[in-house]
């Protein structure tokens, strides 16, 4: 130390300590990542089986046999990707990807439960027969009725999901469109399946209503959570 230079032993010790710390951190992160990916895969497979069973029990005789394969495959792929993003907590400085995926997955689950307990698995048939859906259909036709149905139901799914999923402070309000889009993407195959045999107008109206309901539901759920929990 007399000549003002760091001893070789000290430099090597510091370098080795930094290297060991980095290697240990990488190993821990790798193991954590592997566990999360495995968990996402397990839950994704379970969810995919549930979705396949839900589609398989769809009561319409007008569906060709390939509908089961197509819709269950699309839903399974979306579920696995969404679960991987959620479990790995993927995010950027401005986009809450993991949070949005979590809200979308929970919203799909809530929608699935509501669909399972619905008296008529052809949801538009049930909606049109209700005291609210009947006058709306008579006044504006089935496309407008589907739009209203999609808006009301998806608003509930989105609001409930956002209320139940803890968000990252300062991020959930910064990207409500992303969160709403994640839920809409996961609900879209179901909307398409339910719209088979109707018309493009019904499908477009239902999807537009779901998009509107998802956005309003995300905003409402975030506001309600902020009032109840302050976050």
Protein backbone atom coordinates (compact mmCIF):
# COMPACT_ATOMS: atom_id res chain seq x y z
CA UNK A 1 0.00 0.00 0.00
CA UNK A 2 3.07 2.28 0.33
CA UNK A 3 3.12 3.10 -3.38
CA UNK A 4 -0.64 3.88 -3.44
CA UNK A 5 -1.48 0.78 -5.47
CA UNK A 6 -4.03 -1.86 -4.41
CA UNK A 7 -2.39 -5.21 -3.58
CA UNK A 8 -2.95 -7.99 -6.10
CA UNK A 9 -4.43 -10.27 -3.44
CA UNK A 10 -7.05 -7.67 -2.51
CA UNK A 11 -7.99 -7.04 -6.13
CA UNK A 12 -8.33 -10.75 -6.80
CA UNK A 13 -10.40 -11.22 -3.64
CA UNK A 14 -12.80 -8.45 -4.60
CA UNK A 15 -13.07 -9.78 -8.16
CA UNK A 16 -13.74 -13.31 -6.93
CA UNK A 17 -16.35 -12.07 -4.47
CA UNK A 18 -18.20 -10.17 -7.19
CA UNK A 19 -18.06 -13.16 -9.55
CA UNK A 20 -19.34 -15.54 -6.87
CA UNK A 21 -22.15 -13.16 -5.98
CA UNK A 22 -23.23 -12.86 -9.62
CA UNK A 23 -23.08 -16.62 -10.15
CA UNK A 24 -25.13 -17.26 -7.02
CA UNK A 25 -27.70 -14.66 -8.04
CA UNK A 26 -27.99 -16.18 -11.52
CA UNK A 27 -28.38 -19.66 -10.03
CA UNK A 28 -31.09 -18.51 -7.64
CA UNK A 29 -32.90 -16.61 -10.34
CA UNK A 30 -32.63 -19.57 -12.69
CA UNK A 31 -34.12 -21.89 -10.10
CA UNK A 32 -36.88 -19.43 -9.29
CA UNK A 33 -37.63 -18.99 -12.97
CA UNK A 34 -37.75 -22.74 -13.50
CA UNK A 35 -40.15 -23.20 -10.59
CA UNK A 36 -42.41 -20.43 -11.82
CA UNK A 37 -42.42 -21.79 -15.35
CA UNK A 38 -43.27 -25.24 -14.02
CA UNK A 39 -46.07 -23.79 -11.90
CA UNK A 40 -47.38 -21.85 -14.90
CA UNK A 41 -47.31 -25.02 -16.98
CA UNK A 42 -49.16 -27.08 -14.36
CA UNK A 43 -51.85 -24.45 -13.83
CA UNK A 44 -52.03 -23.86 -17.58
CA UNK A 45 -52.62 -27.54 -18.27
CA UNK A 46 -55.32 -27.68 -15.59
CA UNK A 47 -56.96 -24.57 -17.00
CA UNK A 48 -56.74 -25.93 -20.52
CA UNK A 49 -58.44 -29.15 -19.47
CA UNK A 50 -61.18 -27.11 -17.81
CA UNK A 51 -61.63 -24.98 -20.91
CA UNK A 52 -61.77 -28.07 -23.12
CA UNK A 53 -64.43 -29.62 -20.90
CA UNK A 54 -66.38 -26.37 -20.94
CA UNK A 55 -66.27 -26.24 -24.73
CA UNK A 56 -67.04 -29.95 -24.99
CA UNK A 57 -70.22 -29.45 -22.97
CA UNK A 58 -71.35 -26.59 -25.18
CA UNK A 59 -74.97 -27.47 -26.00
CA UNK A 60 -75.24 -26.38 -29.63
CA UNK A 61 -75.72 -29.05 -32.25
CA UNK A 62 -74.79 -26.69 -35.07
CA UNK A 63 -71.07 -26.72 -34.22
CA UNK A 64 -68.84 -28.81 -36.49
CA UNK A 65 -66.48 -31.22 -34.80
CA UNK A 66 -63.39 -29.08 -35.40
CA UNK A 67 -64.75 -26.26 -33.22
CA UNK A 68 -63.76 -28.16 -30.08
CA UNK A 69 -60.17 -28.47 -31.24
CA UNK A 70 -59.85 -24.89 -32.48
CA UNK A 71 -61.41 -23.07 -29.55
CA UNK A 72 -59.80 -25.21 -26.87
CA UNK A 73 -56.39 -24.87 -28.54
CA UNK A 74 -56.66 -21.09 -28.82
CA UNK A 75 -57.81 -20.77 -25.23
CA UNK A 76 -55.09 -23.14 -24.01
CA UNK A 77 -52.38 -21.15 -25.78
CA UNK A 78 -53.63 -17.87 -24.37
CA UNK A 79 -53.84 -19.35 -20.88
CA UNK A 80 -50.32 -20.76 -20.92
CA UNK A 81 -48.84 -17.50 -22.21
CA UNK A 82 -50.84 -15.44 -19.71
CA UNK A 83 -49.87 -17.68 -16.81
CA UNK A 84 -46.19 -17.61 -17.78
CA UNK A 85 -46.26 -13.79 -17.86
CA UNK A 86 -48.08 -13.67 -14.52
CA UNK A 87 -45.89 -16.23 -12.73
CA UNK A 88 -42.64 -14.75 -14.06
CA UNK A 89 -43.85 -11.25 -13.18
CA UNK A 90 -42.90 -9.88 -16.57
CA UNK A 91 -43.05 -6.09 -16.63
CA UNK A 92 -41.46 -3.00 -18.08
CA UNK A 93 -41.01 0.49 -16.74
CA UNK A 94 -44.40 1.55 -18.07
CA UNK A 95 -46.34 -1.65 -18.87
CA UNK A 96 -47.70 -3.82 -16.01
CA UNK A 97 -47.72 -7.02 -18.06
CA UNK A 98 -47.83 -9.46 -15.14
CA UNK A 99 -50.59 -7.51 -13.42
CA UNK A 100 -52.63 -7.30 -16.62
CA UNK A 101 -52.24 -11.03 -17.24
CA UNK A 102 -53.33 -11.80 -13.67
CA UNK A 103 -56.44 -9.64 -14.03
CA UNK A 104 -57.26 -11.27 -17.36
CA UNK A 105 -56.89 -14.80 -16.03
CA UNK A 106 -58.99 -14.08 -12.94
CA UNK A 107 -61.61 -12.37 -15.09
CA UNK A 108 -61.78 -15.40 -17.36
CA UNK A 109 -62.20 -17.61 -14.31
CA UNK A 110 -65.05 -15.47 -12.97
CA UNK A 111 -66.68 -15.53 -16.41
CA UNK A 112 -66.33 -19.31 -16.51
CA UNK A 113 -68.03 -19.70 -13.12
CA UNK A 114 -70.87 -17.38 -14.17
CA UNK A 115 -71.23 -19.28 -17.44
CA UNK A 116 -71.37 -22.62 -15.63
CA UNK A 117 -74.22 -21.52 -13.35
CA UNK A 118 -76.16 -19.71 -16.10
CA UNK A 119 -79.54 -21.45 -16.68
CA UNK A 120 -78.99 -21.38 -20.46
CA UNK A 121 -75.47 -22.06 -21.75
CA UNK A 122 -76.37 -20.11 -24.86
CA UNK A 123 -75.98 -16.82 -23.04
CA UNK A 124 -77.68 -14.60 -25.61
CA UNK A 125 -80.79 -16.78 -25.48
CA UNK A 126 -80.91 -16.29 -21.71
CA UNK A 127 -80.22 -12.56 -21.99
CA UNK A 128 -82.92 -11.94 -24.59
CA UNK A 129 -85.47 -13.68 -22.36
CA UNK A 130 -84.73 -11.43 -19.35
CA UNK A 131 -86.71 -8.35 -18.44
CA UNK A 132 -83.84 -6.10 -19.49
CA UNK A 133 -82.63 -7.95 -22.58
CA UNK A 134 -86.04 -8.35 -24.18
CA UNK A 135 -86.88 -4.63 -24.59
CA UNK A 136 -83.33 -3.82 -25.68
CA UNK A 137 -83.53 -6.51 -28.37
CA UNK A 138 -86.94 -5.34 -29.53
CA UNK A 139 -85.75 -1.74 -29.69
CA UNK A 140 -82.33 -2.14 -31.34
CA UNK A 141 -82.09 -5.70 -32.58
CA UNK A 142 -79.80 -8.54 -31.55
CA UNK A 143 -76.47 -6.75 -32.33
CA UNK A 144 -77.31 -3.88 -29.95
CA UNK A 145 -78.56 -6.36 -27.38
CA UNK A 146 -75.30 -8.32 -27.65
CA UNK A 147 -73.34 -5.09 -27.22
CA UNK A 148 -75.24 -4.24 -24.03
CA UNK A 149 -74.87 -7.79 -22.71
CA UNK A 150 -71.13 -7.80 -23.42
CA UNK A 151 -70.64 -4.40 -21.78
CA UNK A 152 -72.56 -5.21 -18.61
CA UNK A 153 -71.11 -8.67 -18.01
CA UNK A 154 -67.51 -7.76 -18.84
CA UNK A 155 -67.70 -4.63 -16.68
CA UNK A 156 -68.50 -6.90 -13.75
CA UNK A 157 -65.73 -9.39 -14.60
CA UNK A 158 -63.14 -6.62 -14.97
CA UNK A 159 -64.15 -4.67 -11.88
CA UNK A 160 -64.18 -7.78 -9.70
CA UNK A 161 -60.78 -8.92 -11.00
CA UNK A 162 -59.09 -5.55 -10.55
CA UNK A 163 -60.55 -5.24 -7.08
CA UNK A 164 -59.22 -8.67 -6.07
CA UNK A 165 -55.76 -8.53 -7.68
CA UNK A 166 -53.20 -6.38 -5.82
CA UNK A 167 -51.68 -3.88 -8.21
CA UNK A 168 -48.34 -2.14 -8.31
CA UNK A 169 -48.64 1.39 -6.99
CA UNK A 170 -48.56 3.95 -9.76
CA UNK A 171 -48.77 1.34 -12.54
CA UNK A 172 -52.35 0.08 -12.69
CA UNK A 173 -53.75 3.53 -13.43
CA UNK A 174 -50.99 4.20 -15.95
CA UNK A 175 -52.04 1.42 -18.33
CA UNK A 176 -55.75 0.58 -17.97
CA UNK A 177 -55.96 -0.13 -21.69
CA UNK A 178 -53.39 -2.92 -21.40
CA UNK A 179 -55.24 -4.53 -18.51
CA UNK A 180 -58.57 -4.27 -20.31
CA UNK A 181 -57.00 -5.67 -23.49
CA UNK A 182 -55.63 -8.70 -21.61
CA UNK A 183 -59.08 -9.55 -20.30
CA UNK A 184 -60.71 -8.96 -23.68
CA UNK A 185 -58.16 -11.20 -25.39
CA UNK A 186 -58.91 -14.08 -23.03
CA UNK A 187 -62.67 -13.62 -23.36
CA UNK A 188 -62.65 -13.26 -27.16
CA UNK A 189 -62.66 -17.02 -27.99
CA UNK A 190 -65.74 -17.46 -25.83
CA UNK A 191 -67.48 -14.55 -27.52
CA UNK A 192 -66.63 -16.04 -30.91
CA UNK A 193 -67.92 -19.47 -29.88
CA UNK A 194 -71.18 -18.05 -28.54
CA UNK A 195 -71.64 -15.99 -31.72
CA UNK A 196 -71.42 -18.96 -34.08
CA UNK A 197 -74.70 -19.30 -35.95
CA UNK A 198 -75.77 -15.69 -35.43
CA UNK A 199 -74.22 -12.94 -37.56
CA UNK A 200 -71.10 -10.81 -37.91
CA UNK A 201 -73.07 -7.91 -36.45
CA UNK A 202 -73.82 -9.85 -33.29
CA UNK A 203 -70.19 -10.90 -32.90
CA UNK A 204 -68.92 -7.35 -33.54
CA UNK A 205 -71.47 -5.86 -31.17
CA UNK A 206 -70.69 -8.36 -28.42
CA UNK A 207 -66.94 -7.84 -28.82
CA UNK A 208 -67.30 -4.04 -28.83
CA UNK A 209 -69.43 -4.20 -25.72
CA UNK A 210 -66.89 -6.45 -24.03
CA UNK A 211 -64.11 -4.00 -24.90
CA UNK A 212 -66.06 -1.07 -23.46
CA UNK A 213 -67.05 -3.05 -20.38
CA UNK A 214 -63.48 -4.22 -19.82
CA UNK A 215 -62.10 -0.66 -19.87
CA UNK A 216 -64.84 0.77 -17.65
CA UNK A 217 -64.55 -2.21 -15.31
CA UNK A 218 -60.79 -1.79 -14.94
CA UNK A 219 -61.24 1.88 -14.10
CA UNK A 220 -64.11 1.18 -11.70
CA UNK A 221 -62.33 -1.69 -9.97
CA UNK A 222 -59.16 0.37 -9.51
CA UNK A 223 -61.17 3.24 -8.06
CA UNK A 224 -63.08 0.95 -5.72
CA UNK A 225 -59.88 -0.73 -4.55
CA UNK A 226 -58.27 2.65 -3.93
CA UNK A 227 -61.24 3.70 -1.81
CA UNK A 228 -61.23 0.45 0.19
CA UNK A 229 -57.51 -0.22 0.55
CA UNK A 230 -55.84 3.02 -0.46
CA UNK A 231 -53.93 1.25 -3.29
